[in-house]
Amino acid sequence: MSSQDFADHLRARRPAVGYWVILDAPAATERIAGVGYDYVVLDAQHGLLSTRGILDGLIAIDAADSATVGMVRVEANNATPIGRALDAGAAGVIVPLIDTAEDAAQAVRAARYPPSGIRSYGPTRSGLRIGPTPAEANAATVVLAMIETRAGLENVAAICATPGLDGIYVGPSDLCLAVGGKFPGDPDVADQFDEAIALIARVAADAGVAAGIHTPSGEVARQRLTEGYTYATVSSDLDHLRCVAAAHLATVRE
């Protein structure tokens, strides 16, 4: 689908399923984009991707000639990495560590051209696909705020009410730590984590914005979609590479 179609899809809170890319491996990213996911996210915060890797990854997603759009989880809530990801052709950005409504508003401003925001005009590659006018680009660009800290959880209602924000995205590893976990997936805080997950979905629905979440598997992604989440991302290329390699090795050694 086009960037505008994807934006309309999320804003209408229709279900979507995505995939997460950590590796700077454009040929692999192109293969993944051809599978049929609605979106593929390139992780510029914790992934192994340089600026050139983000560009190559977005080109690879488009080269797959599928309905999949490319998104970028930027490294920080700052106008420079947000603008750079969008200039490279991302359909939207996922912005980490959003603690307050003002943080969310800052992310929205960075992703929008004036008068709606402060994005500097320089659509190096994006002008080929998104826009080309600033108003068209503003309408087609998705901005998602990550809820993954104690402050973000406490302020989730105000964050969801931020004008121009298209949705929120749960980072489960950090959220688990935020509710008192000693490590991601800590069973000692499973109840608190589940309560937080449910609360975020309800608040987003009440605000009329999309709620998304990262998941370790297709099974968990399906579960989250039935629990009120709008979109869910499945695992990552690096995790799947390790799991499949380990499974084959175990089979050989049985």
C-alpha atoms as a PDB file:
ATOM      1  CA  MET A   1       0.000   0.000   0.000  1.00  0.00           C
ATOM      2  CA  SER A   2       1.084   3.607  -0.403  1.00  0.00           C
ATOM      3  CA  SER A   3       2.243   5.679   2.549  1.00  0.00           C
ATOM      4  CA  GLN A   4      -1.055   7.542   2.486  1.00  0.00           C
ATOM      5  CA  ASP A   5      -2.987   4.268   2.437  1.00  0.00           C
ATOM      6  CA  PHE A   6      -0.963   2.995   5.384  1.00  0.00           C
ATOM      7  CA  ALA A   7      -1.544   6.215   7.317  1.00  0.00           C
ATOM      8  CA  ASP A   8      -5.280   6.008   6.624  1.00  0.00           C
ATOM      9  CA  HIS A   9      -5.267   2.340   7.658  1.00  0.00           C
ATOM     10  CA  LEU A  10      -3.691   3.049  11.045  1.00  0.00           C
ATOM     11  CA  ARG A  11      -5.737   6.174  11.693  1.00  0.00           C
ATOM     12  CA  ALA A  12      -8.879   4.142  11.096  1.00  0.00           C
ATOM     13  CA  ARG A  13      -7.535   1.658  13.669  1.00  0.00           C
ATOM     14  CA  ARG A  14      -7.657  -1.258  11.270  1.00  0.00           C
ATOM     15  CA  PRO A  15      -5.435  -4.240  12.200  1.00  0.00           C
ATOM     16  CA  ALA A  16      -1.896  -4.401  10.854  1.00  0.00           C
ATOM     17  CA  VAL A  17       1.006  -6.800  11.349  1.00  0.00           C
ATOM     18  CA  GLY A  18       4.643  -5.856  10.986  1.00  0.00           C
ATOM     19  CA  TYR A  19       8.186  -7.142  11.262  1.00  0.00           C
ATOM     20  CA  TRP A  20      11.339  -5.778  12.926  1.00  0.00           C
ATOM     21  CA  VAL A  21      14.726  -5.469  11.239  1.00  0.00           C
ATOM     22  CA  ILE A  22      17.929  -5.118  13.255  1.00  0.00           C
ATOM     23  CA  LEU A  23      20.561  -6.212  10.742  1.00  0.00           C
ATOM     24  CA  ASP A  24      22.072  -4.076   8.007  1.00  0.00           C
ATOM     25  CA  ALA A  25      21.369  -6.685   5.333  1.00  0.00           C
ATOM     26  CA  PRO A  26      19.347  -5.139   2.465  1.00  0.00           C
ATOM     27  CA  ALA A  27      18.978  -8.394   0.518  1.00  0.00           C
ATOM     28  CA  ALA A  28      17.467 -10.083   3.587  1.00  0.00           C
ATOM     29  CA  THR A  29      15.247  -7.055   4.266  1.00  0.00           C
ATOM     30  CA  GLU A  30      13.976  -7.201   0.694  1.00  0.00           C
ATOM     31  CA  ARG A  31      13.070 -10.877   1.136  1.00  0.00           C
ATOM     32  CA  ILE A  32      11.236 -10.117   4.374  1.00  0.00           C
ATOM     33  CA  ALA A  33       9.335  -7.236   2.777  1.00  0.00           C
ATOM     34  CA  GLY A  34       8.115  -9.629   0.100  1.00  0.00           C
ATOM     35  CA  VAL A  35       6.501 -11.981   2.634  1.00  0.00           C
ATOM     36  CA  GLY A  36       3.391  -9.859   3.036  1.00  0.00           C
ATOM     37  CA  TYR A  37       3.694  -7.913   6.289  1.00  0.00           C
ATOM     38  CA  ASP A  38       1.888  -4.582   6.334  1.00  0.00           C
ATOM     39  CA  TYR A  39       5.014  -2.775   7.488  1.00  0.00           C
ATOM     40  CA  VAL A  40       8.676  -3.443   8.239  1.00  0.00           C
ATOM     41  CA  VAL A  41      10.468  -1.384  10.892  1.00  0.00           C
ATOM     42  CA  LEU A  42      14.173  -0.606  10.651  1.00  0.00           C
ATOM     43  CA  ASP A  43      15.575  -0.201  14.157  1.00  0.00           C
ATOM     44  CA  ALA A  44      17.917   2.785  14.261  1.00  0.00           C
ATOM     45  CA  GLN A  45      17.941   2.906  18.074  1.00  0.00           C
ATOM     46  CA  HIS A  46      19.144  -0.552  19.096  1.00  0.00           C
ATOM     47  CA  GLY A  47      19.666  -2.092  15.659  1.00  0.00           C
ATOM     48  CA  LEU A  48      22.947  -2.410  13.762  1.00  0.00           C
ATOM     49  CA  LEU A  49      22.015   0.199  11.166  1.00  0.00           C
ATOM     50  CA  SER A  50      23.889   3.324  10.140  1.00  0.00           C
ATOM     51  CA  THR A  51      22.310   6.196   8.232  1.00  0.00           C
ATOM     52  CA  ARG A  52      23.340   4.438   5.025  1.00  0.00           C
ATOM     53  CA  GLY A  53      21.857   1.218   6.385  1.00  0.00           C
ATOM     54  CA  ILE A  54      18.508   2.928   6.939  1.00  0.00           C
ATOM     55  CA  LEU A  55      18.529   4.258   3.375  1.00  0.00           C
ATOM     56  CA  ASP A  56      19.499   0.874   1.920  1.00  0.00           C
ATOM     57  CA  GLY A  57      16.868  -0.872   4.035  1.00  0.00           C
ATOM     58  CA  LEU A  58      14.095   1.449   2.881  1.00  0.00           C
ATOM     59  CA  ILE A  59      15.161   1.025  -0.755  1.00  0.00           C
ATOM     60  CA  ALA A  60      15.147  -2.763  -0.245  1.00  0.00           C
ATOM     61  CA  ILE A  61      11.621  -2.680   1.193  1.00  0.00           C
ATOM     62  CA  ASP A  62      10.377  -0.686  -1.790  1.00  0.00           C
ATOM     63  CA  ALA A  63      12.261  -2.965  -4.196  1.00  0.00           C
ATOM     64  CA  ALA A  64      10.293  -5.954  -2.924  1.00  0.00           C
ATOM     65  CA  ASP A  65       7.383  -4.592  -4.986  1.00  0.00           C
ATOM     66  CA  SER A  66       4.866  -5.543  -2.321  1.00  0.00           C
ATOM     67  CA  ALA A  67       2.248  -3.698  -0.297  1.00  0.00           C
ATOM     68  CA  THR A  68       4.683  -3.415   2.634  1.00  0.00           C
ATOM     69  CA  VAL A  69       5.758   0.049   3.798  1.00  0.00           C
ATOM     70  CA  GLY A  70       9.016   0.907   5.549  1.00  0.00           C
ATOM     71  CA  MET A  71       9.079   2.512   8.985  1.00  0.00           C
ATOM     72  CA  VAL A  72      12.022   3.608  11.151  1.00  0.00           C
ATOM     73  CA  ARG A  73      12.373   3.459  14.929  1.00  0.00           C
ATOM     74  CA  VAL A  74      14.592   6.524  15.289  1.00  0.00           C
ATOM     75  CA  GLU A  75      17.416   6.768  17.794  1.00  0.00           C
ATOM     76  CA  ALA A  76      15.984   9.654  19.794  1.00  0.00           C
ATOM     77  CA  ASN A  77      13.192  12.214  20.024  1.00  0.00           C
ATOM     78  CA  ASN A  78      15.132  14.788  18.055  1.00  0.00           C
ATOM     79  CA  ALA A  79      14.390  16.638  14.822  1.00  0.00           C
ATOM     80  CA  THR A  80      17.623  15.530  13.141  1.00  0.00           C
ATOM     81  CA  PRO A  81      17.220  11.726  13.194  1.00  0.00           C
ATOM     82  CA  ILE A  82      13.469  12.045  12.631  1.00  0.00           C
ATOM     83  CA  GLY A  83      13.959  14.261   9.592  1.00  0.00           C
ATOM     84  CA  ARG A  84      16.771  12.086   8.260  1.00  0.00           C
ATOM     85  CA  ALA A  85      14.617   8.933   8.430  1.00  0.00           C
ATOM     86  CA  LEU A  86      11.734  10.664   6.673  1.00  0.00           C
ATOM     87  CA  ASP A  87      13.998  12.203   4.027  1.00  0.00           C
ATOM     88  CA  ALA A  88      15.276   8.686   3.279  1.00  0.00           C
ATOM     89  CA  GLY A  89      11.722   7.597   2.475  1.00  0.00           C
ATOM     90  CA  ALA A  90      10.240   6.186   5.685  1.00  0.00           C
ATOM     91  CA  ALA A  91       6.455   6.090   5.746  1.00  0.00           C
ATOM     92  CA  GLY A  92       6.649   7.087   9.378  1.00  0.00           C
ATOM     93  CA  VAL A  93       8.669   7.042  12.560  1.00  0.00           C
ATOM     94  CA  ILE A  94       8.452   5.296  15.906  1.00  0.00           C
ATOM     95  CA  VAL A  95       9.909   7.619  18.528  1.00  0.00           C
ATOM     96  CA  PRO A  96      11.373   6.089  21.712  1.00  0.00           C
ATOM     97  CA  LEU A  97      11.217   7.124  25.360  1.00  0.00           C
ATOM     98  CA  ILE A  98       8.177   9.376  25.264  1.00  0.00           C
ATOM     99  CA  ASP A  99       7.429  10.392  28.851  1.00  0.00           C
ATOM    100  CA  THR A 100       4.989  13.289  28.491  1.00  0.00           C
ATOM    101  CA  ALA A 101       2.503  14.897  26.145  1.00  0.00           C
ATOM    102  CA  GLU A 102       5.108  17.578  25.425  1.00  0.00           C
ATOM    103  CA  ASP A 103       7.567  14.869  24.361  1.00  0.00           C
ATOM    104  CA  ALA A 104       4.916  13.517  21.994  1.00  0.00           C
ATOM    105  CA  ALA A 105       4.171  16.989  20.641  1.00  0.00           C
ATOM    106  CA  GLN A 106       7.886  17.500  20.019  1.00  0.00           C
ATOM    107  CA  ALA A 107       8.001  14.301  17.963  1.00  0.00           C
ATOM    108  CA  VAL A 108       4.960  15.349  15.941  1.00  0.00           C
ATOM    109  CA  ARG A 109       6.459  18.780  15.219  1.00  0.00           C
ATOM    110  CA  ALA A 110       9.730  17.219  14.081  1.00  0.00           C
ATOM    111  CA  ALA A 111       7.898  15.005  11.564  1.00  0.00           C
ATOM    112  CA  ARG A 112       5.693  17.710  10.038  1.00  0.00           C
ATOM    113  CA  TYR A 113       6.538  20.553   7.703  1.00  0.00           C
ATOM    114  CA  PRO A 114       5.468  24.105   8.608  1.00  0.00           C
ATOM    115  CA  PRO A 115       3.028  25.395   9.558  1.00  0.00           C
ATOM    116  CA  SER A 116       2.188  22.161  11.375  1.00  0.00           C
ATOM    117  CA  GLY A 117       5.761  21.486  12.502  1.00  0.00           C
ATOM    118  CA  ILE A 118       9.452  22.247  12.169  1.00  0.00           C
ATOM    119  CA  ARG A 119      10.651  19.627   9.671  1.00  0.00           C
ATOM    120  CA  SER A 120      13.269  21.127   7.394  1.00  0.00           C
ATOM    121  CA  TYR A 121      12.507  20.777   3.699  1.00  0.00           C
ATOM    122  CA  GLY A 122      14.912  18.378   2.026  1.00  0.00           C
ATOM    123  CA  PRO A 123      13.081  15.268   0.826  1.00  0.00           C
ATOM    124  CA  THR A 124      16.267  13.703  -0.512  1.00  0.00           C
ATOM    125  CA  ARG A 125      14.522  10.456  -1.456  1.00  0.00           C
ATOM    126  CA  SER A 126      11.079  10.688   0.086  1.00  0.00           C
ATOM    127  CA  GLY A 127       9.912  13.118  -2.582  1.00  0.00           C
ATOM    128  CA  LEU A 128       9.855  10.212  -5.006  1.00  0.00           C
ATOM    129  CA  ARG A 129       7.219   8.421  -2.924  1.00  0.00           C
ATOM    130  CA  ILE A 130       5.688  10.640  -0.256  1.00  0.00           C
ATOM    131  CA  GLY A 131       4.269  14.000  -1.200  1.00  0.00           C
ATOM    132  CA  PRO A 132       5.784  15.742  -3.057  1.00  0.00           C
ATOM    133  CA  THR A 133       4.266  18.864  -1.484  1.00  0.00           C
ATOM    134  CA  PRO A 134       4.689  19.507   2.255  1.00  0.00           C
ATOM    135  CA  ALA A 135       0.938  19.286   2.849  1.00  0.00           C
ATOM    136  CA  GLU A 136       0.762  15.887   1.133  1.00  0.00           C
ATOM    137  CA  ALA A 137       3.788  14.639   3.065  1.00  0.00           C
ATOM    138  CA  ASN A 138       2.271  15.800   6.360  1.00  0.00           C
ATOM    139  CA  ALA A 139      -0.926  13.916   5.595  1.00  0.00           C
ATOM    140  CA  ALA A 140       0.881  10.694   4.665  1.00  0.00           C
ATOM    141  CA  THR A 141       3.503  10.552   7.425  1.00  0.00           C
ATOM    142  CA  VAL A 142       2.803   8.434  10.502  1.00  0.00           C
ATOM    143  CA  VAL A 143       4.135   9.407  13.934  1.00  0.00           C
ATOM    144  CA  LEU A 144       4.054   6.834  16.737  1.00  0.00           C
ATOM    145  CA  ALA A 145       5.164   7.442  20.327  1.00  0.00           C
ATOM    146  CA  MET A 146       6.712   4.657  22.366  1.00  0.00           C
ATOM    147  CA  ILE A 147       5.242   3.933  25.804  1.00  0.00           C
ATOM    148  CA  GLU A 148       7.988   2.146  27.702  1.00  0.00           C
ATOM    149  CA  THR A 149       8.800   4.099  30.868  1.00  0.00           C
ATOM    150  CA  ARG A 150       7.110   4.625  34.226  1.00  0.00           C
ATOM    151  CA  ALA A 151       6.462   8.276  33.310  1.00  0.00           C
ATOM    152  CA  GLY A 152       5.105   7.311  29.909  1.00  0.00           C
ATOM    153  CA  LEU A 153       2.717   4.832  31.494  1.00  0.00           C
ATOM    154  CA  GLU A 154       1.527   7.386  34.037  1.00  0.00           C
ATOM    155  CA  ASN A 155       0.995   9.992  31.315  1.00  0.00           C
ATOM    156  CA  VAL A 156      -0.361   7.695  28.605  1.00  0.00           C
ATOM    157  CA  ALA A 157      -3.772   9.400  28.453  1.00  0.00           C
ATOM    158  CA  ALA A 158      -2.232  12.834  27.889  1.00  0.00           C
ATOM    159  CA  ILE A 159       0.203  11.395  25.357  1.00  0.00           C
ATOM    160  CA  CYS A 160      -2.618   9.749  23.398  1.00  0.00           C
ATOM    161  CA  ALA A 161      -4.479  13.068  23.331  1.00  0.00           C
ATOM    162  CA  THR A 162      -1.562  14.850  21.619  1.00  0.00           C
ATOM    163  CA  PRO A 163      -2.797  16.547  18.421  1.00  0.00           C
ATOM    164  CA  GLY A 164      -1.271  15.028  15.304  1.00  0.00           C
ATOM    165  CA  LEU A 165      -0.060  11.844  17.002  1.00  0.00           C
ATOM    166  CA  ASP A 166      -1.213   8.808  15.039  1.00  0.00           C
ATOM    167  CA  GLY A 167      -0.656   6.200  17.692  1.00  0.00           C
ATOM    168  CA  ILE A 168       1.455   4.687  20.411  1.00  0.00           C
ATOM    169  CA  TYR A 169       3.791   1.722  20.450  1.00  0.00           C
ATOM    170  CA  VAL A 170       4.601  -0.400  23.490  1.00  0.00           C
ATOM    171  CA  GLY A 171       8.197  -1.418  24.101  1.00  0.00           C
ATOM    172  CA  PRO A 172       7.563  -4.477  26.307  1.00  0.00           C
ATOM    173  CA  SER A 173      11.144  -5.000  27.489  1.00  0.00           C
ATOM    174  CA  ASP A 174      11.523  -1.513  28.920  1.00  0.00           C
ATOM    175  CA  LEU A 175       7.916  -1.461  30.116  1.00  0.00           C
ATOM    176  CA  CYS A 176       8.550  -4.605  32.133  1.00  0.00           C
ATOM    177  CA  LEU A 177      11.501  -2.884  33.807  1.00  0.00           C
ATOM    178  CA  ALA A 178       9.347   0.203  34.352  1.00  0.00           C
ATOM    179  CA  VAL A 179       6.774  -1.764  36.388  1.00  0.00           C
ATOM    180  CA  GLY A 180       9.491  -3.228  38.612  1.00  0.00           C
ATOM    181  CA  GLY A 181      10.860  -6.174  36.661  1.00  0.00           C
ATOM    182  CA  LYS A 182      14.464  -7.214  37.269  1.00  0.00           C
ATOM    183  CA  PHE A 183      14.742  -8.170  33.586  1.00  0.00           C
ATOM    184  CA  PRO A 184      12.449  -8.248  30.536  1.00  0.00           C
ATOM    185  CA  GLY A 185       9.814 -10.921  30.988  1.00  0.00           C
ATOM    186  CA  ASP A 186      10.362 -11.146  34.753  1.00  0.00           C
ATOM    187  CA  PRO A 187       7.552 -13.465  35.991  1.00  0.00           C
ATOM    188  CA  ASP A 188       7.497 -11.710  39.369  1.00  0.00           C
ATOM    189  CA  VAL A 189       5.826  -8.679  37.774  1.00  0.00           C
ATOM    190  CA  ALA A 190       3.661 -10.513  35.247  1.00  0.00           C
ATOM    191  CA  ASP A 191       0.432  -9.231  36.788  1.00  0.00           C
ATOM    192  CA  GLN A 192       1.611  -5.607  36.847  1.00  0.00           C
ATOM    193  CA  PHE A 193       2.862  -5.927  33.278  1.00  0.00           C
ATOM    194  CA  ASP A 194      -0.422  -7.394  32.043  1.00  0.00           C
ATOM    195  CA  GLU A 195      -2.351  -4.622  33.788  1.00  0.00           C
ATOM    196  CA  ALA A 196      -0.185  -2.007  32.094  1.00  0.00           C
ATOM    197  CA  ILE A 197      -0.621  -3.644  28.688  1.00  0.00           C
ATOM    198  CA  ALA A 198      -4.401  -3.699  29.104  1.00  0.00           C
ATOM    199  CA  LEU A 199      -4.512  -0.115  30.366  1.00  0.00           C
ATOM    200  CA  ILE A 200      -2.534   1.209  27.401  1.00  0.00           C
ATOM    201  CA  ALA A 201      -4.852  -0.499  24.913  1.00  0.00           C
ATOM    202  CA  ARG A 202      -7.956   0.901  26.639  1.00  0.00           C
ATOM    203  CA  VAL A 203      -6.613   4.434  26.848  1.00  0.00           C
ATOM    204  CA  ALA A 204      -5.593   4.452  23.186  1.00  0.00           C
ATOM    205  CA  ALA A 205      -9.006   3.151  22.131  1.00  0.00           C
ATOM    206  CA  ASP A 206     -10.748   5.823  24.192  1.00  0.00           C
ATOM    207  CA  ALA A 207      -8.560   8.469  22.545  1.00  0.00           C
ATOM    208  CA  GLY A 208      -9.207   7.051  19.070  1.00  0.00           C
ATOM    209  CA  VAL A 209      -5.549   6.434  18.245  1.00  0.00           C
ATOM    210  CA  ALA A 210      -3.811   3.256  17.133  1.00  0.00           C
ATOM    211  CA  ALA A 211      -2.110   1.123  19.777  1.00  0.00           C
ATOM    212  CA  GLY A 212       0.773  -1.120  18.750  1.00  0.00           C
ATOM    213  CA  ILE A 213       3.137  -3.468  20.518  1.00  0.00           C
ATOM    214  CA  HIS A 214       6.252  -5.500  19.873  1.00  0.00           C
ATOM    215  CA  THR A 215       5.797  -9.253  20.328  1.00  0.00           C
ATOM    216  CA  PRO A 216       8.106 -12.298  20.297  1.00  0.00           C
ATOM    217  CA  SER A 217       5.982 -14.440  17.978  1.00  0.00           C
ATOM    218  CA  GLY A 218       3.004 -14.655  15.682  1.00  0.00           C
ATOM    219  CA  GLU A 219       1.022 -16.338  18.445  1.00  0.00           C
ATOM    220  CA  VAL A 220       1.554 -13.446  20.847  1.00  0.00           C
ATOM    221  CA  ALA A 221       0.912 -10.908  18.089  1.00  0.00           C
ATOM    222  CA  ARG A 222      -2.445 -12.556  17.378  1.00  0.00           C
ATOM    223  CA  GLN A 223      -3.249 -12.526  21.088  1.00  0.00           C
ATOM    224  CA  ARG A 224      -2.494  -8.810  21.410  1.00  0.00           C
ATOM    225  CA  LEU A 225      -4.673  -7.980  18.417  1.00  0.00           C
ATOM    226  CA  THR A 226      -7.574  -9.821  20.052  1.00  0.00           C
ATOM    227  CA  GLU A 227      -6.920  -7.864  23.262  1.00  0.00           C
ATOM    228  CA  GLY A 228      -7.513  -4.509  21.637  1.00  0.00           C
ATOM    229  CA  TYR A 229      -4.216  -3.612  20.027  1.00  0.00           C
ATOM    230  CA  THR A 230      -4.448  -2.166  16.529  1.00  0.00           C
ATOM    231  CA  TYR A 231      -1.131  -3.390  15.202  1.00  0.00           C
ATOM    232  CA  ALA A 232       1.591  -5.766  16.335  1.00  0.00           C
ATOM    233  CA  THR A 233       5.166  -6.382  15.285  1.00  0.00           C
ATOM    234  CA  VAL A 234       6.576  -9.912  15.157  1.00  0.00           C
ATOM    235  CA  SER A 235      10.029 -10.612  16.598  1.00  0.00           C
ATOM    236  CA  SER A 236      13.063  -9.640  14.463  1.00  0.00           C
ATOM    237  CA  ASP A 237      15.411 -10.864  11.771  1.00  0.00           C
ATOM    238  CA  LEU A 238      18.269 -11.497  14.203  1.00  0.00           C
ATOM    239  CA  ASP A 239      16.115 -13.461  16.662  1.00  0.00           C
ATOM    240  CA  HIS A 240      14.651 -15.591  13.897  1.00  0.00           C
ATOM    241  CA  LEU A 241      18.074 -16.239  12.360  1.00  0.00           C
ATOM    242  CA  ARG A 242      19.355 -17.552  15.690  1.00  0.00           C
ATOM    243  CA  CYS A 243      16.222 -19.610  16.426  1.00  0.00           C
ATOM    244  CA  VAL A 244      16.128 -21.321  13.040  1.00  0.00           C
ATOM    245  CA  ALA A 245      19.861 -22.055  13.074  1.00  0.00           C
ATOM    246  CA  ALA A 246      19.592 -23.489  16.591  1.00  0.00           C
ATOM    247  CA  ALA A 247      16.589 -25.628  15.660  1.00  0.00           C
ATOM    248  CA  HIS A 248      18.378 -27.182  12.682  1.00  0.00           C
ATOM    249  CA  LEU A 249      21.450 -27.875  14.776  1.00  0.00           C
ATOM    250  CA  ALA A 250      19.335 -29.552  17.455  1.00  0.00           C
ATOM    251  CA  THR A 251      17.697 -31.741  14.804  1.00  0.00           C
ATOM    252  CA  VAL A 252      21.046 -32.885  13.458  1.00  0.00           C
ATOM    253  CA  ARG A 253      22.336 -33.739  16.916  1.00  0.00           C
ATOM    254  CA  GLU A 254      19.265 -35.669  18.102  1.00  0.00           C
END
